[in-house]
Structures are given as structure tokens and as C-alpha cells.
């Protein structure tokens, strides 16, 4: 297996943080300016997936925390419902990235879809538990699948920008 070599310089950290901040602000604006509640792209998830597959683990964990807490603060969910799954999934992606021999475009899309599915399931579970509501499986499944499609499409659109601004 081939090991991925990283540049441990600090020059790209500010750029990664600014891009993550822009994606979080765009996600929040899509929700509140356009009043889209359920079916909206979460642009933080494709950003964290891409960074998890190219950047060192320590920086990605902090970026996941930052992106998750920004989305948690400005959404109607319990604090930590986005942050905890994003941190755990970015850590998991950092662990398995050495197993991926070739990082082609569809690896990022598959990872984004799986990450969106897991984050959505955890958010719906936490929300239904904290607010004592029933978890409707049919509505939840439709919402999760549609959000997976939206986030994967966002990853397809953002991948050239990520490759341009975030060097591997």
C-alpha cells in the first residue's frame, strides 16, 4: 500500500478555514434567505470529506469541529448534533484514506453520500429523542435519500473548486 505524504506546513491552514467558513455561511444563507428547511445542500459536509481525504488528521478534526458548531448554532437542532458526527466521520475518513489506492472523483462523491446518510440518521435520531417525537421511518428515509443526492451533487460541483484552491 502506498502512504500518502502530507505537507505539514501551516500555509494552507488559513485557506482551508476560510473555505470552510464560506461554505458554512452559504449553507446558513440558503436556509434562512431562501427559506429552504428540509431539502437544502449542507456544503460543510463535502468540504469536510474533501479535507479528510487530503489533509493531516489534526487540522481536519478542528475544522470539523468548527464547521459542525457553526451549523449547530444556526440550525434548529440540539448543540452537538452536527458537530459530533462530523468529528467522528472525519476521523474515520482520515483513518481509511491510506487504504484508498487511487483518489478519483467518484471516491469523494461516495464518501459524501455515506457521510450525509450517517449524519442525517444521527441528527434525526437525536432530534426525535430530545424533542420526544416519533421517528417516522418513511418520511425520514425520503429526506435522507434526497439530502444524500443534494450533497453529492454539491460535491460534484465543488470538486473542481476544491482541487483548484486546496492543493493535495
Protein backbone atom coordinates (compact mmCIF):
# COMPACT_ATOMS: atom_id res chain seq x y z
CA UNK A 1 0.00 0.00 0.00
CA UNK A 2 1.10 3.45 -0.76
CA UNK A 3 1.32 6.00 2.02
CA UNK A 4 0.10 9.49 1.36
CA UNK A 5 2.64 12.17 2.10
CA UNK A 6 1.43 15.43 3.51
CA UNK A 7 2.96 18.82 3.65
CA UNK A 8 3.00 19.81 7.29
CA UNK A 9 3.43 23.47 6.61
CA UNK A 10 0.98 25.94 8.07
CA UNK A 11 0.45 27.88 4.84
CA UNK A 12 -2.76 26.13 3.80
CA UNK A 13 -4.49 26.09 7.18
CA UNK A 14 -5.91 29.59 6.92
CA UNK A 15 -7.09 28.92 3.37
CA UNK A 16 -8.87 25.74 4.50
CA UNK A 17 -10.50 27.58 7.39
CA UNK A 18 -11.69 30.42 5.15
CA UNK A 19 -13.16 28.00 2.60
CA UNK A 20 -14.93 26.07 5.38
CA UNK A 21 -16.26 29.33 6.82
CA UNK A 22 -17.55 30.40 3.39
CA UNK A 23 -19.29 27.03 2.92
CA UNK A 24 -20.88 27.26 6.38
CA UNK A 25 -22.13 30.79 5.71
CA UNK A 26 -23.52 29.72 2.32
CA UNK A 27 -25.32 26.80 3.96
CA UNK A 28 -26.84 29.13 6.56
CA UNK A 29 -27.83 31.68 3.90
CA UNK A 30 -29.52 29.00 1.80
CA UNK A 31 -31.57 28.02 4.81
CA UNK A 32 -32.60 31.47 6.01
CA UNK A 33 -32.56 33.72 2.94
CA UNK A 34 -34.28 31.27 0.60
CA UNK A 35 -36.38 29.70 3.40
CA UNK A 36 -35.50 26.15 2.42
CA UNK A 37 -35.92 23.99 5.52
CA UNK A 38 -35.68 20.32 4.60
CA UNK A 39 -34.09 19.86 1.20
CA UNK A 40 -31.02 22.05 1.18
CA UNK A 41 -27.36 21.39 0.50
CA UNK A 42 -25.11 21.18 3.50
CA UNK A 43 -21.90 22.49 1.96
CA UNK A 44 -19.89 21.78 5.10
CA UNK A 45 -20.13 18.00 4.58
CA UNK A 46 -18.45 17.93 1.11
CA UNK A 47 -15.78 20.32 2.38
CA UNK A 48 -15.00 18.14 5.42
CA UNK A 49 -14.98 14.98 3.27
CA UNK A 50 -12.53 16.50 0.81
CA UNK A 51 -10.28 17.83 3.56
CA UNK A 52 -10.39 14.50 5.40
CA UNK A 53 -9.06 12.74 2.33
CA UNK A 54 -6.20 15.18 1.63
CA UNK A 55 -5.14 16.95 4.84
CA UNK A 56 -3.44 15.85 8.09
CA UNK A 57 -5.74 14.45 10.76
CA UNK A 58 -5.27 17.07 13.50
CA UNK A 59 -6.23 20.02 11.35
CA UNK A 60 -9.24 18.24 9.89
CA UNK A 61 -10.63 17.41 13.34
CA UNK A 62 -10.51 21.09 14.32
CA UNK A 63 -12.07 22.13 11.01
CA UNK A 64 -14.83 19.54 11.53
CA UNK A 65 -15.48 20.94 14.99
CA UNK A 66 -15.61 24.49 13.64
CA UNK A 67 -17.93 23.64 10.74
CA UNK A 68 -20.18 21.49 12.92
CA UNK A 69 -20.53 24.07 15.65
CA UNK A 70 -21.35 26.80 13.13
CA UNK A 71 -24.11 24.68 11.62
CA UNK A 72 -25.34 23.67 15.11
CA UNK A 73 -25.60 27.27 16.28
CA UNK A 74 -27.64 28.41 13.29
CA UNK A 75 -29.93 25.39 12.92
CA UNK A 76 -32.90 24.19 14.91
CA UNK A 77 -31.17 21.13 16.30
CA UNK A 78 -29.52 20.26 19.58
CA UNK A 79 -25.99 21.63 20.00
CA UNK A 80 -23.60 18.86 19.04
CA UNK A 81 -25.91 17.04 16.66
CA UNK A 82 -23.82 18.10 13.65
CA UNK A 83 -20.52 18.53 15.45
CA UNK A 84 -20.13 15.06 16.94
CA UNK A 85 -20.92 13.08 13.76
CA UNK A 86 -18.72 15.37 11.64
CA UNK A 87 -15.77 14.94 14.00
CA UNK A 88 -16.19 11.16 14.17
CA UNK A 89 -16.69 10.73 10.43
CA UNK A 90 -13.77 12.98 9.52
CA UNK A 91 -11.57 10.99 11.90
CA UNK A 92 -12.81 7.75 10.32
CA UNK A 93 -12.14 9.08 6.81
CA UNK A 94 -8.65 10.11 7.89
CA UNK A 95 -8.06 6.56 9.13
CA UNK A 96 -9.20 4.84 5.95
CA UNK A 97 -7.72 7.26 3.42
CA UNK A 98 -4.46 5.27 3.32
CA UNK A 99 -6.44 2.22 2.19
CA UNK A 100 -7.76 4.05 -0.84
CA UNK A 101 -5.20 3.47 -3.56
CA UNK A 102 -6.46 5.99 -6.09
CA UNK A 103 -8.46 9.03 -5.13
CA UNK A 104 -10.57 9.65 -8.19
CA UNK A 105 -13.63 11.87 -8.36
CA UNK A 106 -16.21 9.20 -7.52
CA UNK A 107 -14.47 8.31 -4.24
CA UNK A 108 -15.26 11.82 -2.98
CA UNK A 109 -18.89 11.53 -4.10
CA UNK A 110 -19.39 8.11 -2.48
CA UNK A 111 -17.78 9.34 0.75
CA UNK A 112 -20.01 12.43 0.71
CA UNK A 113 -23.16 10.34 0.21
CA UNK A 114 -22.25 7.94 3.04
CA UNK A 115 -21.27 10.79 5.36
CA UNK A 116 -24.53 12.63 4.62
CA UNK A 117 -26.54 9.49 5.31
CA UNK A 118 -24.85 8.85 8.67
CA UNK A 119 -25.04 12.49 9.76
CA UNK A 120 -28.74 12.68 8.78
CA UNK A 121 -29.59 9.48 10.66
CA UNK A 122 -27.82 10.72 13.78
CA UNK A 123 -29.49 14.15 13.56
CA UNK A 124 -32.97 12.65 13.13
CA UNK A 125 -32.34 10.24 16.00
CA UNK A 126 -31.06 12.94 18.36
CA UNK A 127 -33.87 15.32 17.41
CA UNK A 128 -36.58 12.71 17.90
CA UNK A 129 -35.10 11.67 21.24
CA UNK A 130 -34.63 15.18 22.63
CA UNK A 131 -37.97 16.52 21.48
CA UNK A 132 -39.83 13.30 22.32
CA UNK A 133 -41.30 12.85 18.86
CA UNK A 134 -41.78 9.66 16.91
CA UNK A 135 -39.25 8.90 14.23
CA UNK A 136 -41.28 8.39 11.08
CA UNK A 137 -39.20 5.97 9.02
CA UNK A 138 -40.83 6.64 5.65
CA UNK A 139 -40.53 10.43 5.81
CA UNK A 140 -37.07 10.24 7.28
CA UNK A 141 -35.84 7.81 4.61
CA UNK A 142 -37.10 10.06 1.82
CA UNK A 143 -35.47 13.10 3.41
CA UNK A 144 -32.17 11.30 3.95
CA UNK A 145 -32.02 9.99 0.38
CA UNK A 146 -32.85 13.39 -1.07
CA UNK A 147 -30.23 15.11 1.12
CA UNK A 148 -27.69 12.48 0.02
CA UNK A 149 -28.48 13.33 -3.60
CA UNK A 150 -28.23 17.08 -3.00
CA UNK A 151 -24.93 16.85 -1.09
CA UNK A 152 -23.44 14.50 -3.71
CA UNK A 153 -24.45 16.93 -6.47
CA UNK A 154 -22.88 19.75 -4.44
CA UNK A 155 -19.69 17.70 -4.20
CA UNK A 156 -19.66 17.22 -7.98
CA UNK A 157 -19.95 21.00 -8.43
CA UNK A 158 -17.44 21.89 -5.70
CA UNK A 159 -14.77 19.31 -6.53
CA UNK A 160 -13.05 21.40 -9.25
CA UNK A 161 -13.01 24.41 -6.90
CA UNK A 162 -11.56 22.33 -4.08
CA UNK A 163 -8.85 20.97 -6.38
CA UNK A 164 -8.06 24.49 -7.53
CA UNK A 165 -7.84 26.16 -4.12
CA UNK A 166 -6.86 23.27 -1.82
CA UNK A 167 -3.74 21.60 -3.16
CA UNK A 168 -3.18 17.95 -2.39
